[in-house]
């Protein structure tokens, strides 16, 4: 059996370059941001140290993992 299974991601990549889109930069994406303002994060944490990462994420409009990542950068 010599069938070749092509994933959806491979199809998308092929279509991307078949349309002569040869830019290698990241294109803009929809969804929640992965970068947040550290000053705002610090202000939220200082105003209520009992906030969970999920509550902070909801207020900032990002994922809780983004908050967790950026908490390491904030000196609280």
PDB file of N, CA and C in Angstrom:
ATOM      1  N   UNK A   1       0.850  -1.173   0.000  1.00  0.00           N
ATOM      2  CA  UNK A   1       0.000   0.000   0.000  1.00  0.00           C
ATOM      3  C   UNK A   1       0.894   1.234   0.000  1.00  0.00           C
ATOM      4  N   UNK A   2       0.956   1.936  -1.109  1.00  0.00           N
ATOM      5  CA  UNK A   2       1.816   3.106  -1.257  1.00  0.00           C
ATOM      6  C   UNK A   2       1.013   4.398  -1.306  1.00  0.00           C
ATOM      7  N   UNK A   3       0.044   4.543  -0.436  1.00  0.00           N
ATOM      8  CA  UNK A   3      -0.699   5.803  -0.445  1.00  0.00           C
ATOM      9  C   UNK A   3       0.039   6.850   0.365  1.00  0.00           C
ATOM     10  N   UNK A   4      -0.142   8.051  -0.053  1.00  0.00           N
ATOM     11  CA  UNK A   4       0.501   9.176   0.637  1.00  0.00           C
ATOM     12  C   UNK A   4      -0.577   9.982   1.340  1.00  0.00           C
ATOM     13  N   UNK A   5      -0.509  10.032   2.638  1.00  0.00           N
ATOM     14  CA  UNK A   5      -1.494  10.788   3.403  1.00  0.00           C
ATOM     15  C   UNK A   5      -0.993  12.216   3.576  1.00  0.00           C
ATOM     16  N   UNK A   6      -1.778  13.164   3.145  1.00  0.00           N
ATOM     17  CA  UNK A   6      -1.408  14.569   3.234  1.00  0.00           C
ATOM     18  C   UNK A   6      -2.266  15.209   4.317  1.00  0.00           C
ATOM     19  N   UNK A   7      -1.607  15.867   5.250  1.00  0.00           N
ATOM     20  CA  UNK A   7      -2.345  16.513   6.334  1.00  0.00           C
ATOM     21  C   UNK A   7      -2.951  17.823   5.854  1.00  0.00           C
ATOM     22  N   UNK A   8      -3.923  18.305   6.599  1.00  0.00           N
ATOM     23  CA  UNK A   8      -4.560  19.579   6.272  1.00  0.00           C
ATOM     24  C   UNK A   8      -3.532  20.705   6.315  1.00  0.00           C
ATOM     25  N   UNK A   9      -2.611  20.648   7.256  1.00  0.00           N
ATOM     26  CA  UNK A   9      -1.582  21.680   7.373  1.00  0.00           C
ATOM     27  C   UNK A   9      -0.687  21.690   6.137  1.00  0.00           C
ATOM     28  N   UNK A  10      -0.347  20.516   5.627  1.00  0.00           N
ATOM     29  CA  UNK A  10       0.471  20.443   4.414  1.00  0.00           C
ATOM     30  C   UNK A  10      -0.278  21.025   3.219  1.00  0.00           C
ATOM     31  N   UNK A  11      -1.575  20.778   3.140  1.00  0.00           N
ATOM     32  CA  UNK A  11      -2.384  21.342   2.059  1.00  0.00           C
ATOM     33  C   UNK A  11      -2.393  22.870   2.142  1.00  0.00           C
ATOM     34  N   UNK A  12      -2.520  23.401   3.361  1.00  0.00           N
ATOM     35  CA  UNK A  12      -2.546  24.851   3.538  1.00  0.00           C
ATOM     36  C   UNK A  12      -1.216  25.476   3.146  1.00  0.00           C
ATOM     37  N   UNK A  13      -0.115  24.840   3.522  1.00  0.00           N
ATOM     38  CA  UNK A  13       1.206  25.366   3.153  1.00  0.00           C
ATOM     39  C   UNK A  13       1.375  25.375   1.645  1.00  0.00           C
ATOM     40  N   UNK A  14       0.964  24.297   0.999  1.00  0.00           N
ATOM     41  CA  UNK A  14       1.097  24.203  -0.451  1.00  0.00           C
ATOM     42  C   UNK A  14       0.262  25.287  -1.117  1.00  0.00           C
ATOM     43  N   UNK A  15      -0.969  25.473  -0.657  1.00  0.00           N
ATOM     44  CA  UNK A  15      -1.839  26.502  -1.230  1.00  0.00           C
ATOM     45  C   UNK A  15      -1.249  27.887  -1.002  1.00  0.00           C
ATOM     46  N   UNK A  16      -0.645  28.099   0.145  1.00  0.00           N
ATOM     47  CA  UNK A  16      -0.043  29.389   0.482  1.00  0.00           C
ATOM     48  C   UNK A  16       1.024  29.762  -0.541  1.00  0.00           C
ATOM     49  N   UNK A  17       1.908  28.839  -0.862  1.00  0.00           N
ATOM     50  CA  UNK A  17       2.986  29.128  -1.799  1.00  0.00           C
ATOM     51  C   UNK A  17       2.557  28.977  -3.254  1.00  0.00           C
ATOM     52  N   UNK A  18       1.524  28.202  -3.514  1.00  0.00           N
ATOM     53  CA  UNK A  18       1.005  28.099  -4.882  1.00  0.00           C
ATOM     54  C   UNK A  18       0.422  29.431  -5.337  1.00  0.00           C
ATOM     55  N   UNK A  19      -0.019  30.242  -4.402  1.00  0.00           N
ATOM     56  CA  UNK A  19      -0.576  31.558  -4.729  1.00  0.00           C
ATOM     57  C   UNK A  19       0.510  32.625  -4.831  1.00  0.00           C
ATOM     58  N   UNK A  20       1.745  32.214  -4.911  1.00  0.00           N
ATOM     59  CA  UNK A  20       2.915  33.095  -5.033  1.00  0.00           C
ATOM     60  C   UNK A  20       3.061  34.029  -3.838  1.00  0.00           C
ATOM     61  N   UNK A  21       2.618  33.595  -2.703  1.00  0.00           N
ATOM     62  CA  UNK A  21       2.801  34.362  -1.478  1.00  0.00           C
ATOM     63  C   UNK A  21       4.113  33.903  -0.860  1.00  0.00           C
ATOM     64  N   UNK A  22       5.200  34.568  -1.214  1.00  0.00           N
ATOM     65  CA  UNK A  22       6.528  34.124  -0.793  1.00  0.00           C
ATOM     66  C   UNK A  22       7.067  34.885   0.413  1.00  0.00           C
ATOM     67  N   UNK A  23       6.206  35.658   1.081  1.00  0.00           N
ATOM     68  CA  UNK A  23       6.632  36.383   2.275  1.00  0.00           C
ATOM     69  C   UNK A  23       6.875  35.393   3.400  1.00  0.00           C
ATOM     70  N   UNK A  24       7.955  35.590   4.112  1.00  0.00           N
ATOM     71  CA  UNK A  24       8.273  34.700   5.220  1.00  0.00           C
ATOM     72  C   UNK A  24       7.911  35.303   6.576  1.00  0.00           C
ATOM     73  N   UNK A  25       7.434  36.538   6.581  1.00  0.00           N
ATOM     74  CA  UNK A  25       7.039  37.165   7.834  1.00  0.00           C
ATOM     75  C   UNK A  25       5.725  36.549   8.300  1.00  0.00           C
ATOM     76  N   UNK A  26       5.492  36.648   9.597  1.00  0.00           N
ATOM     77  CA  UNK A  26       4.225  36.175  10.143  1.00  0.00           C
ATOM     78  C   UNK A  26       3.122  37.115   9.714  1.00  0.00           C
ATOM     79  N   UNK A  27       2.024  36.568   9.288  1.00  0.00           N
ATOM     80  CA  UNK A  27       0.879  37.403   8.955  1.00  0.00           C
ATOM     81  C   UNK A  27       0.060  37.606  10.221  1.00  0.00           C
ATOM     82  N   UNK A  28      -0.777  38.626  10.212  1.00  0.00           N
ATOM     83  CA  UNK A  28      -1.565  38.910  11.403  1.00  0.00           C
ATOM     84  C   UNK A  28      -2.571  37.782  11.614  1.00  0.00           C
ATOM     85  N   UNK A  29      -2.888  37.558  12.860  1.00  0.00           N
ATOM     86  CA  UNK A  29      -3.809  36.486  13.212  1.00  0.00           C
ATOM     87  C   UNK A  29      -4.911  37.043  14.082  1.00  0.00           C
ATOM     88  N   UNK A  30      -6.024  36.376  14.035  1.00  0.00           N
ATOM     89  CA  UNK A  30      -7.102  36.751  14.943  1.00  0.00           C
ATOM     90  C   UNK A  30      -6.913  35.976  16.237  1.00  0.00           C
ATOM     91  N   UNK A  31      -7.631  36.367  17.248  1.00  0.00           N
ATOM     92  CA  UNK A  31      -7.536  35.649  18.518  1.00  0.00           C
ATOM     93  C   UNK A  31      -6.974  36.510  19.618  1.00  0.00           C
ATOM     94  N   UNK A  32      -6.727  35.882  20.731  1.00  0.00           N
ATOM     95  CA  UNK A  32      -6.250  36.605  21.900  1.00  0.00           C
ATOM     96  C   UNK A  32      -4.774  36.957  21.751  1.00  0.00           C
ATOM     97  N   UNK A  33      -4.395  38.106  22.290  1.00  0.00           N
ATOM     98  CA  UNK A  33      -2.989  38.516  22.187  1.00  0.00           C
ATOM     99  C   UNK A  33      -2.082  37.664  23.060  1.00  0.00           C
ATOM    100  N   UNK A  34      -0.840  37.540  22.615  1.00  0.00           N
ATOM    101  CA  UNK A  34       0.136  36.801  23.407  1.00  0.00           C
ATOM    102  C   UNK A  34       1.065  37.751  24.160  1.00  0.00           C
ATOM    103  N   UNK A  35       0.965  39.032  23.887  1.00  0.00           N
ATOM    104  CA  UNK A  35       1.755  40.040  24.590  1.00  0.00           C
ATOM    105  C   UNK A  35       0.802  40.928  25.385  1.00  0.00           C
ATOM    106  N   UNK A  36       1.200  41.253  26.602  1.00  0.00           N
ATOM    107  CA  UNK A  36       0.383  42.131  27.426  1.00  0.00           C
ATOM    108  C   UNK A  36       1.262  43.209  28.037  1.00  0.00           C
ATOM    109  N   UNK A  37       0.627  44.293  28.448  1.00  0.00           N
ATOM    110  CA  UNK A  37       1.342  45.410  29.059  1.00  0.00           C
ATOM    111  C   UNK A  37       1.729  45.019  30.485  1.00  0.00           C
ATOM    112  N   UNK A  38       3.010  44.946  30.737  1.00  0.00           N
ATOM    113  CA  UNK A  38       3.494  44.509  32.053  1.00  0.00           C
ATOM    114  C   UNK A  38       3.105  45.479  33.162  1.00  0.00           C
ATOM    115  N   UNK A  39       3.008  46.776  32.841  1.00  0.00           N
ATOM    116  CA  UNK A  39       2.607  47.754  33.858  1.00  0.00           C
ATOM    117  C   UNK A  39       1.174  47.516  34.310  1.00  0.00           C
ATOM    118  N   UNK A  40       0.301  47.218  33.361  1.00  0.00           N
ATOM    119  CA  UNK A  40      -1.096  46.946  33.703  1.00  0.00           C
ATOM    120  C   UNK A  40      -1.195  45.648  34.504  1.00  0.00           C
ATOM    121  N   UNK A  41      -0.438  44.635  34.105  1.00  0.00           N
ATOM    122  CA  UNK A  41      -0.422  43.363  34.836  1.00  0.00           C
ATOM    123  C   UNK A  41       0.032  43.588  36.272  1.00  0.00           C
ATOM    124  N   UNK A  42       1.100  44.337  36.446  1.00  0.00           N
ATOM    125  CA  UNK A  42       1.625  44.607  37.783  1.00  0.00           C
ATOM    126  C   UNK A  42       0.599  45.368  38.623  1.00  0.00           C
ATOM    127  N   UNK A  43      -0.070  46.329  38.002  1.00  0.00           N
ATOM    128  CA  UNK A  43      -1.083  47.126  38.704  1.00  0.00           C
ATOM    129  C   UNK A  43      -2.237  46.238  39.172  1.00  0.00           C
ATOM    130  N   UNK A  44      -2.687  45.328  38.318  1.00  0.00           N
ATOM    131  CA  UNK A  44      -3.770  44.421  38.696  1.00  0.00           C
ATOM    132  C   UNK A  44      -3.366  43.528  39.865  1.00  0.00           C
ATOM    133  N   UNK A  45      -2.168  42.984  39.815  1.00  0.00           N
ATOM    134  CA  UNK A  45      -1.698  42.086  40.872  1.00  0.00           C
ATOM    135  C   UNK A  45      -1.524  42.837  42.187  1.00  0.00           C
ATOM    136  N   UNK A  46      -0.999  44.036  42.121  1.00  0.00           N
ATOM    137  CA  UNK A  46      -0.796  44.821  43.349  1.00  0.00           C
ATOM    138  C   UNK A  46      -2.117  45.259  43.949  1.00  0.00           C
ATOM    139  N   UNK A  47      -3.118  45.538  43.112  1.00  0.00           N
ATOM    140  CA  UNK A  47      -4.412  45.985  43.634  1.00  0.00           C
ATOM    141  C   UNK A  47      -5.175  44.836  44.300  1.00  0.00           C
ATOM    142  N   UNK A  48      -4.984  43.604  43.815  1.00  0.00           N
ATOM    143  CA  UNK A  48      -5.633  42.446  44.423  1.00  0.00           C
ATOM    144  C   UNK A  48      -4.752  41.211  44.248  1.00  0.00           C
ATOM    145  N   UNK A  49      -3.881  40.949  45.224  1.00  0.00           N
ATOM    146  CA  UNK A  49      -2.945  39.816  45.113  1.00  0.00           C
ATOM    147  C   UNK A  49      -3.633  38.448  45.080  1.00  0.00           C
ATOM    148  N   UNK A  50      -4.912  38.385  45.436  1.00  0.00           N
ATOM    149  CA  UNK A  50      -5.641  37.116  45.454  1.00  0.00           C
ATOM    150  C   UNK A  50      -6.251  36.746  44.102  1.00  0.00           C
ATOM    151  N   UNK A  51      -6.093  37.613  43.091  1.00  0.00           N
ATOM    152  CA  UNK A  51      -6.639  37.312  41.768  1.00  0.00           C
ATOM    153  C   UNK A  51      -5.972  36.074  41.179  1.00  0.00           C
ATOM    154  N   UNK A  52      -6.770  35.250  40.544  1.00  0.00           N
ATOM    155  CA  UNK A  52      -6.210  34.089  39.861  1.00  0.00           C
ATOM    156  C   UNK A  52      -5.720  34.516  38.477  1.00  0.00           C
ATOM    157  N   UNK A  53      -4.886  33.684  37.883  1.00  0.00           N
ATOM    158  CA  UNK A  53      -4.397  34.010  36.533  1.00  0.00           C
ATOM    159  C   UNK A  53      -5.549  34.041  35.544  1.00  0.00           C
ATOM    160  N   UNK A  54      -6.562  33.233  35.757  1.00  0.00           N
ATOM    161  CA  UNK A  54      -7.717  33.239  34.857  1.00  0.00           C
ATOM    162  C   UNK A  54      -8.520  34.534  34.972  1.00  0.00           C
ATOM    163  N   UNK A  55      -8.657  35.054  36.195  1.00  0.00           N
ATOM    164  CA  UNK A  55      -9.357  36.333  36.377  1.00  0.00           C
ATOM    165  C   UNK A  55      -8.583  37.473  35.720  1.00  0.00           C
ATOM    166  N   UNK A  56      -7.279  37.475  35.898  1.00  0.00           N
ATOM    167  CA  UNK A  56      -6.438  38.511  35.286  1.00  0.00           C
ATOM    168  C   UNK A  56      -6.527  38.404  33.768  1.00  0.00           C
ATOM    169  N   UNK A  57      -6.473  37.182  33.259  1.00  0.00           N
ATOM    170  CA  UNK A  57      -6.546  36.964  31.811  1.00  0.00           C
ATOM    171  C   UNK A  57      -7.865  37.474  31.254  1.00  0.00           C
ATOM    172  N   UNK A  58      -8.935  37.247  31.974  1.00  0.00           N
ATOM    173  CA  UNK A  58     -10.248  37.721  31.524  1.00  0.00           C
ATOM    174  C   UNK A  58     -10.271  39.246  31.447  1.00  0.00           C
ATOM    175  N   UNK A  59      -9.677  39.895  32.435  1.00  0.00           N
ATOM    176  CA  UNK A  59      -9.651  41.356  32.450  1.00  0.00           C
ATOM    177  C   UNK A  59      -8.761  41.923  31.346  1.00  0.00           C
ATOM    178  N   UNK A  60      -7.690  41.204  31.011  1.00  0.00           N
ATOM    179  CA  UNK A  60      -6.751  41.688  29.996  1.00  0.00           C
ATOM    180  C   UNK A  60      -7.096  41.202  28.590  1.00  0.00           C
ATOM    181  N   UNK A  61      -8.024  40.245  28.500  1.00  0.00           N
ATOM    182  CA  UNK A  61      -8.424  39.734  27.197  1.00  0.00           C
ATOM    183  C   UNK A  61      -7.383  38.821  26.563  1.00  0.00           C
ATOM    184  N   UNK A  62      -6.720  38.024  27.396  1.00  0.00           N
ATOM    185  CA  UNK A  62      -5.710  37.092  26.892  1.00  0.00           C
ATOM    186  C   UNK A  62      -5.900  35.755  27.584  1.00  0.00           C
ATOM    187  N   UNK A  63      -5.051  34.795  27.289  1.00  0.00           N
ATOM    188  CA  UNK A  63      -5.154  33.479  27.925  1.00  0.00           C
ATOM    189  C   UNK A  63      -4.449  33.492  29.280  1.00  0.00           C
ATOM    190  N   UNK A  64      -4.839  32.557  30.136  1.00  0.00           N
ATOM    191  CA  UNK A  64      -4.199  32.487  31.456  1.00  0.00           C
ATOM    192  C   UNK A  64      -2.739  32.050  31.326  1.00  0.00           C
ATOM    193  N   UNK A  65      -2.399  31.305  30.282  1.00  0.00           N
ATOM    194  CA  UNK A  65      -1.001  30.919  30.100  1.00  0.00           C
ATOM    195  C   UNK A  65      -0.141  32.118  29.718  1.00  0.00           C
ATOM    196  N   UNK A  66      -0.730  33.073  28.992  1.00  0.00           N
ATOM    197  CA  UNK A  66      -0.010  34.308  28.682  1.00  0.00           C
ATOM    198  C   UNK A  66       0.268  35.076  29.964  1.00  0.00           C
ATOM    199  N   UNK A  67      -0.716  35.128  30.845  1.00  0.00           N
ATOM    200  CA  UNK A  67      -0.526  35.804  32.140  1.00  0.00           C
ATOM    201  C   UNK A  67       0.567  35.098  32.933  1.00  0.00           C
ATOM    202  N   UNK A  68       0.529  33.771  32.988  1.00  0.00           N
ATOM    203  CA  UNK A  68       1.543  33.022  33.725  1.00  0.00           C
ATOM    204  C   UNK A  68       2.941  33.287  33.181  1.00  0.00           C
ATOM    205  N   UNK A  69       3.063  33.339  31.876  1.00  0.00           N
ATOM    206  CA  UNK A  69       4.346  33.605  31.251  1.00  0.00           C
ATOM    207  C   UNK A  69       4.862  34.983  31.627  1.00  0.00           C
ATOM    208  N   UNK A  70       3.985  35.974  31.603  1.00  0.00           N
ATOM    209  CA  UNK A  70       4.400  37.345  31.870  1.00  0.00           C
ATOM    210  C   UNK A  70       4.579  37.642  33.356  1.00  0.00           C
ATOM    211  N   UNK A  71       3.964  36.838  34.217  1.00  0.00           N
ATOM    212  CA  UNK A  71       4.151  37.030  35.661  1.00  0.00           C
ATOM    213  C   UNK A  71       5.611  36.830  36.055  1.00  0.00           C
ATOM    214  N   UNK A  72       6.309  35.994  35.317  1.00  0.00           N
ATOM    215  CA  UNK A  72       7.726  35.767  35.603  1.00  0.00           C
ATOM    216  C   UNK A  72       8.556  37.028  35.329  1.00  0.00           C
ATOM    217  N   UNK A  73       8.041  37.892  34.467  1.00  0.00           N
ATOM    218  CA  UNK A  73       8.768  39.110  34.102  1.00  0.00           C
ATOM    219  C   UNK A  73       8.449  40.295  35.012  1.00  0.00           C
ATOM    220  N   UNK A  74       7.348  40.179  35.765  1.00  0.00           N
ATOM    221  CA  UNK A  74       6.914  41.278  36.621  1.00  0.00           C
ATOM    222  C   UNK A  74       7.513  41.100  38.008  1.00  0.00           C
ATOM    223  N   UNK A  75       8.065  42.173  38.537  1.00  0.00           N
ATOM    224  CA  UNK A  75       8.641  42.145  39.871  1.00  0.00           C
ATOM    225  C   UNK A  75       7.595  42.647  40.855  1.00  0.00           C
ATOM    226  N   UNK A  76       6.868  41.690  41.458  1.00  0.00           N
ATOM    227  CA  UNK A  76       5.795  42.064  42.382  1.00  0.00           C
ATOM    228  C   UNK A  76       6.235  41.778  43.800  1.00  0.00           C
TER     229      UNK A  76
END
